[in-house]
PDB file of N, CA and C in Angstrom:
ATOM      1  N   MET A   1     119.187 -27.499 160.044  1.00  0.00           N
ATOM      2  CA  MET A   1     118.042 -27.685 160.912  1.00  0.00           C
ATOM      3  C   MET A   1     118.166 -26.772 162.123  1.00  0.00           C
ATOM      4  N   GLU A   2     117.180 -25.993 162.388  1.00  0.00           N
ATOM      5  CA  GLU A   2     117.206 -25.017 163.466  1.00  0.00           C
ATOM      6  C   GLU A   2     116.715 -25.648 164.767  1.00  0.00           C
ATOM      7  N   ASN A   3     117.369 -25.292 165.880  1.00  0.00           N
ATOM      8  CA  ASN A   3     116.969 -25.819 167.184  1.00  0.00           C
ATOM      9  C   ASN A   3     115.619 -25.252 167.593  1.00  0.00           C
ATOM     10  N   GLN A   4     114.801 -26.100 168.156  1.00  0.00           N
ATOM     11  CA  GLN A   4     113.493 -25.695 168.634  1.00  0.00           C
ATOM     12  C   GLN A   4     113.549 -25.253 170.099  1.00  0.00           C
ATOM     13  N   VAL A   5     114.646 -25.523 170.787  1.00  0.00           N
ATOM     14  CA  VAL A   5     114.782 -25.244 172.214  1.00  0.00           C
ATOM     15  C   VAL A   5     115.329 -23.831 172.408  1.00  0.00           C
ATOM     16  N   THR A   6     114.773 -23.128 173.390  1.00  0.00           N
ATOM     17  CA  THR A   6     115.292 -21.799 173.733  1.00  0.00           C
ATOM     18  C   THR A   6     116.062 -21.887 175.046  1.00  0.00           C
ATOM     19  N   ALA A   7     116.901 -20.911 175.275  1.00  0.00           N
ATOM     20  CA  ALA A   7     117.650 -20.859 176.520  1.00  0.00           C
ATOM     21  C   ALA A   7     116.702 -20.766 177.719  1.00  0.00           C
ATOM     22  N   GLU A   8     115.615 -20.039 177.564  1.00  0.00           N
ATOM     23  CA  GLU A   8     114.633 -19.913 178.644  1.00  0.00           C
ATOM     24  C   GLU A   8     114.029 -21.271 178.995  1.00  0.00           C
ATOM     25  N   GLN A   9     113.760 -22.095 177.963  1.00  0.00           N
ATOM     26  CA  GLN A   9     113.230 -23.435 178.203  1.00  0.00           C
ATOM     27  C   GLN A   9     114.253 -24.302 178.928  1.00  0.00           C
ATOM     28  N   LEU A  10     115.510 -24.171 178.542  1.00  0.00           N
ATOM     29  CA  LEU A  10     116.558 -24.951 179.205  1.00  0.00           C
ATOM     30  C   LEU A  10     116.615 -24.634 180.687  1.00  0.00           C
ATOM     31  N   VAL A  11     116.571 -23.347 181.019  1.00  0.00           N
ATOM     32  CA  VAL A  11     116.607 -22.943 182.424  1.00  0.00           C
ATOM     33  C   VAL A  11     115.382 -23.470 183.154  1.00  0.00           C
ATOM     34  N   ALA A  12     114.216 -23.260 182.576  1.00  0.00           N
ATOM     35  CA  ALA A  12     112.972 -23.685 183.225  1.00  0.00           C
ATOM     36  C   ALA A  12     112.928 -25.193 183.436  1.00  0.00           C
ATOM     37  N   ASP A  13     113.383 -25.942 182.458  1.00  0.00           N
ATOM     38  CA  ASP A  13     113.271 -27.394 182.518  1.00  0.00           C
ATOM     39  C   ASP A  13     114.412 -28.078 183.269  1.00  0.00           C
ATOM     40  N   HIS A  14     115.602 -27.456 183.314  1.00  0.00           N
ATOM     41  CA  HIS A  14     116.774 -28.196 183.782  1.00  0.00           C
ATOM     42  C   HIS A  14     117.597 -27.495 184.867  1.00  0.00           C
ATOM     43  N   HIS A  15     117.133 -26.349 185.347  1.00  0.00           N
ATOM     44  CA  HIS A  15     117.932 -25.627 186.336  1.00  0.00           C
ATOM     45  C   HIS A  15     118.200 -26.458 187.581  1.00  0.00           C
ATOM     46  N   ARG A  16     117.192 -27.116 188.099  1.00  0.00           N
ATOM     47  CA  ARG A  16     117.352 -27.880 189.343  1.00  0.00           C
ATOM     48  C   ARG A  16     118.397 -28.984 189.183  1.00  0.00           C
ATOM     49  N   VAL A  17     118.365 -29.686 188.069  1.00  0.00           N
ATOM     50  CA  VAL A  17     119.298 -30.792 187.843  1.00  0.00           C
ATOM     51  C   VAL A  17     120.722 -30.270 187.614  1.00  0.00           C
ATOM     52  N   VAL A  18     120.850 -29.193 186.859  1.00  0.00           N
ATOM     53  CA  VAL A  18     122.176 -28.612 186.611  1.00  0.00           C
ATOM     54  C   VAL A  18     122.750 -28.055 187.908  1.00  0.00           C
ATOM     55  N   TYR A  19     121.918 -27.408 188.723  1.00  0.00           N
ATOM     56  CA  TYR A  19     122.395 -26.903 190.007  1.00  0.00           C
ATOM     57  C   TYR A  19     122.862 -28.058 190.898  1.00  0.00           C
ATOM     58  N   ALA A  20     122.107 -29.152 190.951  1.00  0.00           N
ATOM     59  CA  ALA A  20     122.495 -30.311 191.775  1.00  0.00           C
ATOM     60  C   ALA A  20     123.829 -30.879 191.293  1.00  0.00           C
ATOM     61  N   PHE A  21     124.027 -30.947 189.995  1.00  0.00           N
ATOM     62  CA  PHE A  21     125.292 -31.415 189.430  1.00  0.00           C
ATOM     63  C   PHE A  21     126.421 -30.464 189.829  1.00  0.00           C
ATOM     64  N   ALA A  22     126.182 -29.164 189.715  1.00  0.00           N
ATOM     65  CA  ALA A  22     127.185 -28.170 190.080  1.00  0.00           C
ATOM     66  C   ALA A  22     127.512 -28.246 191.566  1.00  0.00           C
ATOM     67  N   PHE A  23     126.497 -28.513 192.376  1.00  0.00           N
ATOM     68  CA  PHE A  23     126.734 -28.626 193.823  1.00  0.00           C
ATOM     69  C   PHE A  23     127.623 -29.837 194.123  1.00  0.00           C
ATOM     70  N   ARG A  24     127.405 -30.933 193.418  1.00  0.00           N
ATOM     71  CA  ARG A  24     128.260 -32.112 193.620  1.00  0.00           C
ATOM     72  C   ARG A  24     129.699 -31.809 193.205  1.00  0.00           C
ATOM     73  N   LEU A  25     129.871 -31.003 192.175  1.00  0.00           N
ATOM     74  CA  LEU A  25     131.220 -30.648 191.730  1.00  0.00           C
ATOM     75  C   LEU A  25     131.916 -29.714 192.712  1.00  0.00           C
ATOM     76  N   THR A  26     131.192 -28.700 193.166  1.00  0.00           N
ATOM     77  CA  THR A  26     131.820 -27.642 193.962  1.00  0.00           C
ATOM     78  C   THR A  26     131.806 -27.910 195.461  1.00  0.00           C
ATOM     79  N   GLY A  27     130.758 -28.554 195.937  1.00  0.00           N
ATOM     80  CA  GLY A  27     130.669 -28.842 197.368  1.00  0.00           C
ATOM     81  C   GLY A  27     130.089 -27.719 198.197  1.00  0.00           C
ATOM     82  N   ASN A  28     129.703 -26.619 197.576  1.00  0.00           N
ATOM     83  CA  ASN A  28     129.071 -25.556 198.363  1.00  0.00           C
ATOM     84  C   ASN A  28     128.072 -24.773 197.508  1.00  0.00           C
ATOM     85  N   GLN A  29     127.141 -24.140 198.196  1.00  0.00           N
ATOM     86  CA  GLN A  29     126.011 -23.489 197.536  1.00  0.00           C
ATOM     87  C   GLN A  29     126.433 -22.316 196.660  1.00  0.00           C
ATOM     88  N   ALA A  30     127.273 -21.443 197.187  1.00  0.00           N
ATOM     89  CA  ALA A  30     127.649 -20.236 196.438  1.00  0.00           C
ATOM     90  C   ALA A  30     128.348 -20.581 195.128  1.00  0.00           C
ATOM     91  N   ASP A  31     129.305 -21.498 195.177  1.00  0.00           N
ATOM     92  CA  ASP A  31     130.019 -21.872 193.959  1.00  0.00           C
ATOM     93  C   ASP A  31     129.105 -22.629 192.997  1.00  0.00           C
ATOM     94  N   ALA A  32     128.197 -23.446 193.538  1.00  0.00           N
ATOM     95  CA  ALA A  32     127.249 -24.168 192.679  1.00  0.00           C
ATOM     96  C   ALA A  32     126.337 -23.191 191.945  1.00  0.00           C
ATOM     97  N   GLU A  33     125.897 -22.155 192.637  1.00  0.00           N
ATOM     98  CA  GLU A  33     125.067 -21.142 191.989  1.00  0.00           C
ATOM     99  C   GLU A  33     125.841 -20.446 190.874  1.00  0.00           C
ATOM    100  N   ASP A  34     127.111 -20.130 191.132  1.00  0.00           N
ATOM    101  CA  ASP A  34     127.939 -19.484 190.111  1.00  0.00           C
ATOM    102  C   ASP A  34     128.116 -20.387 188.898  1.00  0.00           C
ATOM    103  N   VAL A  35     128.411 -21.669 189.139  1.00  0.00           N
ATOM    104  CA  VAL A  35     128.621 -22.604 188.030  1.00  0.00           C
ATOM    105  C   VAL A  35     127.328 -22.790 187.237  1.00  0.00           C
ATOM    106  N   ALA A  36     126.200 -22.936 187.932  1.00  0.00           N
ATOM    107  CA  ALA A  36     124.919 -23.105 187.228  1.00  0.00           C
ATOM    108  C   ALA A  36     124.595 -21.864 186.398  1.00  0.00           C
ATOM    109  N   GLN A  37     124.808 -20.691 186.973  1.00  0.00           N
ATOM    110  CA  GLN A  37     124.537 -19.459 186.240  1.00  0.00           C
ATOM    111  C   GLN A  37     125.434 -19.349 185.007  1.00  0.00           C
ATOM    112  N   GLN A  38     126.698 -19.648 185.175  1.00  0.00           N
ATOM    113  CA  GLN A  38     127.628 -19.576 184.047  1.00  0.00           C
ATOM    114  C   GLN A  38     127.268 -20.619 182.989  1.00  0.00           C
ATOM    115  N   THR A  39     126.789 -21.782 183.439  1.00  0.00           N
ATOM    116  CA  THR A  39     126.378 -22.833 182.510  1.00  0.00           C
ATOM    117  C   THR A  39     125.261 -22.348 181.600  1.00  0.00           C
ATOM    118  N   PHE A  40     124.229 -21.755 182.196  1.00  0.00           N
ATOM    119  CA  PHE A  40     123.100 -21.309 181.375  1.00  0.00           C
ATOM    120  C   PHE A  40     123.436 -20.083 180.540  1.00  0.00           C
ATOM    121  N   LEU A  41     124.328 -19.255 181.017  1.00  0.00           N
ATOM    122  CA  LEU A  41     124.789 -18.118 180.215  1.00  0.00           C
ATOM    123  C   LEU A  41     125.539 -18.625 178.977  1.00  0.00           C
ATOM    124  N   THR A  42     126.419 -19.594 179.187  1.00  0.00           N
ATOM    125  CA  THR A  42     127.158 -20.185 178.073  1.00  0.00           C
ATOM    126  C   THR A  42     126.205 -20.906 177.120  1.00  0.00           C
ATOM    127  N   ALA A  43     125.239 -21.632 177.678  1.00  0.00           N
ATOM    128  CA  ALA A  43     124.257 -22.329 176.838  1.00  0.00           C
ATOM    129  C   ALA A  43     123.463 -21.334 175.993  1.00  0.00           C
ATOM    130  N   HIS A  44     123.092 -20.225 176.592  1.00  0.00           N
ATOM    131  CA  HIS A  44     122.353 -19.194 175.856  1.00  0.00           C
ATOM    132  C   HIS A  44     123.182 -18.665 174.681  1.00  0.00           C
ATOM    133  N   ARG A  45     124.452 -18.416 174.945  1.00  0.00           N
ATOM    134  CA  ARG A  45     125.329 -17.881 173.900  1.00  0.00           C
ATOM    135  C   ARG A  45     125.616 -18.908 172.810  1.00  0.00           C
ATOM    136  N   SER A  46     125.536 -20.194 173.177  1.00  0.00           N
ATOM    137  CA  SER A  46     125.924 -21.258 172.241  1.00  0.00           C
ATOM    138  C   SER A  46     124.770 -22.175 171.887  1.00  0.00           C
ATOM    139  N   ILE A  47     123.551 -21.701 171.989  1.00  0.00           N
ATOM    140  CA  ILE A  47     122.373 -22.546 171.767  1.00  0.00           C
ATOM    141  C   ILE A  47     122.405 -23.217 170.395  1.00  0.00           C
ATOM    142  N   ASP A  48     123.051 -22.579 169.429  1.00  0.00           N
ATOM    143  CA  ASP A  48     123.136 -23.167 168.089  1.00  0.00           C
ATOM    144  C   ASP A  48     124.038 -24.400 168.043  1.00  0.00           C
ATOM    145  N   GLN A  49     124.821 -24.652 169.104  1.00  0.00           N
ATOM    146  CA  GLN A  49     125.681 -25.828 169.158  1.00  0.00           C
ATOM    147  C   GLN A  49     124.987 -27.046 169.773  1.00  0.00           C
ATOM    148  N   LEU A  50     123.783 -26.878 170.239  1.00  0.00           N
ATOM    149  CA  LEU A  50     123.022 -27.992 170.811  1.00  0.00           C
ATOM    150  C   LEU A  50     122.606 -28.917 169.673  1.00  0.00           C
ATOM    151  N   ARG A  51     123.200 -30.090 169.623  1.00  0.00           N
ATOM    152  CA  ARG A  51     122.976 -31.015 168.504  1.00  0.00           C
ATOM    153  C   ARG A  51     121.751 -31.903 168.705  1.00  0.00           C
ATOM    154  N   GLN A  52     121.394 -32.178 169.952  1.00  0.00           N
ATOM    155  CA  GLN A  52     120.244 -33.038 170.230  1.00  0.00           C
ATOM    156  C   GLN A  52     119.263 -32.276 171.121  1.00  0.00           C
ATOM    157  N   PRO A  53     118.402 -31.465 170.526  1.00  0.00           N
ATOM    158  CA  PRO A  53     117.474 -30.651 171.319  1.00  0.00           C
ATOM    159  C   PRO A  53     116.564 -31.468 172.232  1.00  0.00           C
ATOM    160  N   ASP A  54     116.333 -32.725 171.878  1.00  0.00           N
ATOM    161  CA  ASP A  54     115.491 -33.564 172.718  1.00  0.00           C
ATOM    162  C   ASP A  54     116.261 -34.156 173.898  1.00  0.00           C
ATOM    163  N   ARG A  55     117.597 -34.000 173.917  1.00  0.00           N
ATOM    164  CA  ARG A  55     118.444 -34.507 175.003  1.00  0.00           C
ATOM    165  C   ARG A  55     119.490 -33.461 175.379  1.00  0.00           C
ATOM    166  N   PRO A  56     119.086 -32.354 176.000  1.00  0.00           N
ATOM    167  CA  PRO A  56     120.039 -31.286 176.280  1.00  0.00           C
ATOM    168  C   PRO A  56     120.909 -31.514 177.525  1.00  0.00           C
ATOM    169  N   LEU A  57     120.531 -32.432 178.420  1.00  0.00           N
ATOM    170  CA  LEU A  57     121.279 -32.578 179.678  1.00  0.00           C
ATOM    171  C   LEU A  57     122.747 -32.953 179.491  1.00  0.00           C
ATOM    172  N   PRO A  58     123.096 -33.904 178.646  1.00  0.00           N
ATOM    173  CA  PRO A  58     124.533 -34.181 178.487  1.00  0.00           C
ATOM    174  C   PRO A  58     125.316 -32.938 178.049  1.00  0.00           C
ATOM    175  N   TRP A  59     124.736 -32.148 177.170  1.00  0.00           N
ATOM    176  CA  TRP A  59     125.369 -30.905 176.713  1.00  0.00           C
ATOM    177  C   TRP A  59     125.505 -29.914 177.868  1.00  0.00           C
ATOM    178  N   LEU A  60     124.440 -29.761 178.647  1.00  0.00           N
ATOM    179  CA  LEU A  60     124.480 -28.847 179.792  1.00  0.00           C
ATOM    180  C   LEU A  60     125.488 -29.318 180.842  1.00  0.00           C
ATOM    181  N   PHE A  61     125.543 -30.633 181.093  1.00  0.00           N
ATOM    182  CA  PHE A  61     126.515 -31.163 182.057  1.00  0.00           C
ATOM    183  C   PHE A  61     127.942 -30.921 181.583  1.00  0.00           C
ATOM    184  N   SER A  62     128.161 -31.046 180.293  1.00  0.00           N
ATOM    185  CA  SER A  62     129.486 -30.785 179.737  1.00  0.00           C
ATOM    186  C   SER A  62     129.875 -29.321 179.927  1.00  0.00           C
ATOM    187  N   ILE A  63     128.930 -28.437 179.686  1.00  0.00           N
ATOM    188  CA  ILE A  63     129.187 -27.005 179.886  1.00  0.00           C
ATOM    189  C   ILE A  63     129.454 -26.729 181.370  1.00  0.00           C
ATOM    190  N   ALA A  64     128.648 -27.319 182.245  1.00  0.00           N
ATOM    191  CA  ALA A  64     128.815 -27.108 183.693  1.00  0.00           C
ATOM    192  C   ALA A  64     130.184 -27.590 184.153  1.00  0.00           C
ATOM    193  N   ARG A  65     130.589 -28.741 183.672  1.00  0.00           N
ATOM    194  CA  ARG A  65     131.901 -29.278 184.066  1.00  0.00           C
ATOM    195  C   ARG A  65     133.011 -28.349 183.590  1.00  0.00           C
ATOM    196  N   SER A  66     132.894 -27.848 182.379  1.00  0.00           N
ATOM    197  CA  SER A  66     133.885 -26.920 181.849  1.00  0.00           C
ATOM    198  C   SER A  66     133.928 -25.633 182.674  1.00  0.00           C
ATOM    199  N   CYS A  67     132.762 -25.113 183.034  1.00  0.00           N
ATOM    200  CA  CYS A  67     132.701 -23.898 183.859  1.00  0.00           C
ATOM    201  C   CYS A  67     133.347 -24.137 185.219  1.00  0.00           C
ATOM    202  N   TRP A  68     133.077 -25.305 185.788  1.00  0.00           N
ATOM    203  CA  TRP A  68     133.660 -25.640 187.096  1.00  0.00           C
ATOM    204  C   TRP A  68     135.182 -25.743 186.995  1.00  0.00           C
ATOM    205  N   LEU A  69     135.674 -26.428 185.963  1.00  0.00           N
ATOM    206  CA  LEU A  69     137.123 -26.561 185.805  1.00  0.00           C
ATOM    207  C   LEU A  69     137.788 -25.201 185.638  1.00  0.00           C
ATOM    208  N   LYS A  70     137.165 -24.312 184.884  1.00  0.00           N
ATOM    209  CA  LYS A  70     137.721 -22.963 184.730  1.00  0.00           C
ATOM    210  C   LYS A  70     137.766 -22.239 186.062  1.00  0.00           C
ATOM    211  N   SER A  71     136.730 -22.411 186.878  1.00  0.00           N
ATOM    212  CA  SER A  71     136.710 -21.727 188.173  1.00  0.00           C
ATOM    213  C   SER A  71     137.756 -22.301 189.115  1.00  0.00           C
ATOM    214  N   VAL A  72     138.044 -23.587 189.001  1.00  0.00           N
ATOM    215  CA  VAL A  72     139.056 -24.219 189.854  1.00  0.00           C
ATOM    216  C   VAL A  72     140.446 -23.750 189.454  1.00  0.00           C
ATOM    217  N   ARG A  73     140.656 -23.552 188.176  1.00  0.00           N
ATOM    218  CA  ARG A  73     141.976 -23.135 187.682  1.00  0.00           C
ATOM    219  C   ARG A  73     142.314 -21.696 188.049  1.00  0.00           C
ATOM    220  N   ARG A  74     141.282 -20.878 188.185  1.00  0.00           N
ATOM    221  CA  ARG A  74     141.523 -19.479 188.555  1.00  0.00           C
ATOM    222  C   ARG A  74     142.028 -19.420 189.991  1.00  0.00           C
ATOM    223  N   LYS A  75     143.019 -18.641 190.190  1.00  0.00           N
ATOM    224  CA  LYS A  75     143.544 -18.428 191.537  1.00  0.00           C
ATOM    225  C   LYS A  75     142.723 -17.339 192.201  1.00  0.00           C
ATOM    226  N   ARG A  76     142.153 -17.678 193.335  1.00  0.00           N
ATOM    227  CA  ARG A  76     141.373 -16.695 194.068  1.00  0.00           C
ATOM    228  C   ARG A  76     142.194 -16.200 195.250  1.00  0.00           C
ATOM    229  N   PRO A  77     142.484 -14.920 195.282  1.00  0.00           N
ATOM    230  CA  PRO A  77     143.259 -14.411 196.414  1.00  0.00           C
ATOM    231  C   PRO A  77     142.433 -14.473 197.696  1.00  0.00           C
ATOM    232  N   ALA A  78     143.112 -14.765 198.779  1.00  0.00           N
ATOM    233  CA  ALA A  78     142.446 -14.797 200.078  1.00  0.00           C
ATOM    234  C   ALA A  78     142.144 -13.366 200.506  1.00  0.00           C
ATOM    235  N   SER A  79     141.004 -13.169 201.100  1.00  0.00           N
ATOM    236  CA  SER A  79     140.676 -11.835 201.578  1.00  0.00           C
ATOM    237  C   SER A  79     141.538 -11.523 202.801  1.00  0.00           C
ATOM    238  N   ALA A  80     141.839 -10.266 202.988  1.00  0.00           N
ATOM    239  CA  ALA A  80     142.680  -9.862 204.110  1.00  0.00           C
ATOM    240  C   ALA A  80     142.047 -10.232 205.440  1.00  0.00           C
ATOM    241  N   GLY A  81     140.730 -10.218 205.505  1.00  0.00           N
ATOM    242  CA  GLY A  81     140.036 -10.584 206.731  1.00  0.00           C
ATOM    243  C   GLY A  81     140.149 -12.057 207.069  1.00  0.00           C
ATOM    244  N   ALA A  82     140.455 -12.892 206.065  1.00  0.00           N
ATOM    245  CA  ALA A  82     140.548 -14.328 206.295  1.00  0.00           C
ATOM    246  C   ALA A  82     141.921 -14.744 206.824  1.00  0.00           C
ATOM    247  N   VAL A  83     142.892 -13.853 206.758  1.00  0.00           N
ATOM    248  CA  VAL A  83     144.243 -14.166 207.203  1.00  0.00           C
ATOM    249  C   VAL A  83     144.412 -13.735 208.650  1.00  0.00           C
ATOM    250  N   GLU A  84     144.780 -14.724 209.474  1.00  0.00           N
ATOM    251  CA  GLU A  84     145.042 -14.405 210.872  1.00  0.00           C
ATOM    252  C   GLU A  84     146.544 -14.226 211.046  1.00  0.00           C
ATOM    253  N   LEU A  85     146.942 -13.085 211.542  1.00  0.00           N
ATOM    254  CA  LEU A  85     148.353 -12.784 211.691  1.00  0.00           C
ATOM    255  C   LEU A  85     148.562 -12.021 212.987  1.00  0.00           C
ATOM    256  N   ASP A  86     149.436 -12.548 213.801  1.00  0.00           N
ATOM    257  CA  ASP A  86     149.812 -11.871 215.038  1.00  0.00           C
ATOM    258  C   ASP A  86     151.174 -11.241 214.798  1.00  0.00           C
ATOM    259  N   VAL A  87     151.219  -9.925 214.721  1.00  0.00           N
ATOM    260  CA  VAL A  87     152.470  -9.243 214.394  1.00  0.00           C
ATOM    261  C   VAL A  87     153.541  -9.465 215.448  1.00  0.00           C
ATOM    262  N   ASN A  88     153.142  -9.868 216.646  1.00  0.00           N
ATOM    263  CA  ASN A  88     154.123 -10.143 217.692  1.00  0.00           C
ATOM    264  C   ASN A  88     154.855 -11.462 217.459  1.00  0.00           C
ATOM    265  N   GLU A  89     154.313 -12.305 216.602  1.00  0.00           N
ATOM    266  CA  GLU A  89     154.946 -13.586 216.311  1.00  0.00           C
ATOM    267  C   GLU A  89     155.774 -13.560 215.029  1.00  0.00           C
ATOM    268  N   VAL A  90     155.787 -12.457 214.314  1.00  0.00           N
ATOM    269  CA  VAL A  90     156.563 -12.355 213.088  1.00  0.00           C
ATOM    270  C   VAL A  90     158.032 -12.193 213.466  1.00  0.00           C
ATOM    271  N   PRO A  91     158.888 -13.064 212.930  1.00  0.00           N
ATOM    272  CA  PRO A  91     160.313 -12.951 213.291  1.00  0.00           C
ATOM    273  C   PRO A  91     160.929 -11.696 212.698  1.00  0.00           C
ATOM    274  N   GLY A  92     161.985 -11.275 213.329  1.00  0.00           N
ATOM    275  CA  GLY A  92     162.711 -10.107 212.857  1.00  0.00           C
ATOM    276  C   GLY A  92     163.500 -10.447 211.612  1.00  0.00           C
ATOM    277  N   PRO A  93     164.202  -9.483 211.065  1.00  0.00           N
ATOM    278  CA  PRO A  93     164.986  -9.732 209.855  1.00  0.00           C
ATOM    279  C   PRO A  93     166.093 -10.749 210.122  1.00  0.00           C
ATOM    280  N   PHE A  94     166.376 -11.556 209.111  1.00  0.00           N
ATOM    281  CA  PHE A  94     167.442 -12.549 209.201  1.00  0.00           C
ATOM    282  C   PHE A  94     168.771 -11.849 209.001  1.00  0.00           C
ATOM    283  N   PRO A  95     169.722 -12.067 209.888  1.00  0.00           N
ATOM    284  CA  PRO A  95     171.014 -11.370 209.750  1.00  0.00           C
ATOM    285  C   PRO A  95     171.714 -11.758 208.449  1.00  0.00           C
ATOM    286  N   ALA A  96     172.223 -10.775 207.752  1.00  0.00           N
ATOM    287  CA  ALA A  96     172.861 -11.010 206.458  1.00  0.00           C
ATOM    288  C   ALA A  96     174.153 -11.804 206.591  1.00  0.00           C
ATOM    289  N   ASN A  97     174.858 -11.643 207.667  1.00  0.00           N
ATOM    290  CA  ASN A  97     176.148 -12.306 207.851  1.00  0.00           C
ATOM    291  C   ASN A  97     176.027 -13.494 208.802  1.00  0.00           C
ATOM    292  N   SER A  98     174.995 -14.286 208.682  1.00  0.00           N
ATOM    293  CA  SER A  98     174.820 -15.425 209.583  1.00  0.00           C
ATOM    294  C   SER A  98     175.707 -16.576 209.145  1.00  0.00           C
ATOM    295  N   ASP A  99     175.990 -17.442 210.075  1.00  0.00           N
ATOM    296  CA  ASP A  99     176.832 -18.600 209.807  1.00  0.00           C
ATOM    297  C   ASP A  99     175.963 -19.788 209.413  1.00  0.00           C
ATOM    298  N   VAL A 100     175.542 -19.800 208.160  1.00  0.00           N
ATOM    299  CA  VAL A 100     174.731 -20.885 207.642  1.00  0.00           C
ATOM    300  C   VAL A 100     175.645 -21.837 206.893  1.00  0.00           C
ATOM    301  N   ASP A 101     175.581 -23.108 207.285  1.00  0.00           N
ATOM    302  CA  ASP A 101     176.357 -24.132 206.592  1.00  0.00           C
ATOM    303  C   ASP A 101     175.640 -24.429 205.277  1.00  0.00           C
ATOM    304  N   GLN A 102     176.209 -23.982 204.175  1.00  0.00           N
ATOM    305  CA  GLN A 102     175.576 -24.120 202.871  1.00  0.00           C
ATOM    306  C   GLN A 102     175.344 -25.583 202.496  1.00  0.00           C
ATOM    307  N   GLU A 103     176.271 -26.455 202.901  1.00  0.00           N
ATOM    308  CA  GLU A 103     176.112 -27.875 202.589  1.00  0.00           C
ATOM    309  C   GLU A 103     174.932 -28.469 203.358  1.00  0.00           C
ATOM    310  N   GLN A 104     174.798 -28.141 204.628  1.00  0.00           N
ATOM    311  CA  GLN A 104     173.668 -28.619 205.434  1.00  0.00           C
ATOM    312  C   GLN A 104     172.344 -28.053 204.911  1.00  0.00           C
ATOM    313  N   LEU A 105     172.378 -26.804 204.504  1.00  0.00           N
ATOM    314  CA  LEU A 105     171.181 -26.185 203.942  1.00  0.00           C
ATOM    315  C   LEU A 105     170.753 -26.903 202.667  1.00  0.00           C
ATOM    316  N   GLN A 106     171.707 -27.212 201.792  1.00  0.00           N
ATOM    317  CA  GLN A 106     171.391 -27.896 200.543  1.00  0.00           C
ATOM    318  C   GLN A 106     170.862 -29.303 200.819  1.00  0.00           C
ATOM    319  N   LEU A 107     171.431 -30.011 201.788  1.00  0.00           N
ATOM    320  CA  LEU A 107     170.947 -31.348 202.139  1.00  0.00           C
ATOM    321  C   LEU A 107     169.498 -31.287 202.648  1.00  0.00           C
ATOM    322  N   ALA A 108     169.209 -30.287 203.463  1.00  0.00           N
ATOM    323  CA  ALA A 108     167.848 -30.132 203.980  1.00  0.00           C
ATOM    324  C   ALA A 108     166.869 -29.814 202.855  1.00  0.00           C
ATOM    325  N   LEU A 109     167.276 -28.965 201.926  1.00  0.00           N
ATOM    326  CA  LEU A 109     166.410 -28.636 200.793  1.00  0.00           C
ATOM    327  C   LEU A 109     166.193 -29.847 199.898  1.00  0.00           C
ATOM    328  N   ASP A 110     167.233 -30.648 199.718  1.00  0.00           N
ATOM    329  CA  ASP A 110     167.117 -31.860 198.891  1.00  0.00           C
ATOM    330  C   ASP A 110     166.132 -32.850 199.508  1.00  0.00           C
ATOM    331  N   GLN A 111     166.069 -32.913 200.828  1.00  0.00           N
ATOM    332  CA  GLN A 111     165.142 -33.828 201.496  1.00  0.00           C
ATOM    333  C   GLN A 111     163.702 -33.393 201.331  1.00  0.00           C
ATOM    334  N   LEU A 112     163.470 -32.089 201.130  1.00  0.00           N
ATOM    335  CA  LEU A 112     162.111 -31.592 200.939  1.00  0.00           C
ATOM    336  C   LEU A 112     161.564 -31.973 199.562  1.00  0.00           C
ATOM    337  N   ALA A 113     162.425 -32.093 198.601  1.00  0.00           N
ATOM    338  CA  ALA A 113     161.979 -32.363 197.225  1.00  0.00           C
ATOM    339  C   ALA A 113     161.585 -33.793 196.982  1.00  0.00           C
TER     340      ALA A 113
END
């Protein structure tokens, strides 16, 4: 049985709801737009997997959640402009021959774990 729904219809009929769902997941507009866009792109590529053409929202929500989880798992490097660093506060090199009590150091490290 061939699906009667097109990707264009999905976007036209459900974009607002999918975007609102994505916004609740991400908490900000830019990421919600990315998740919604990726959701409909994935839906377009996988339209043949839509099993209930009369009820596409659960399928779209599942795709949106998957897209969001993938975006959360990706490590995003911080931009250099976002890092505040005062070079005058950077400590100098640690002396190689310092008198560090290895036992005290290990106890302190154990307390962190």
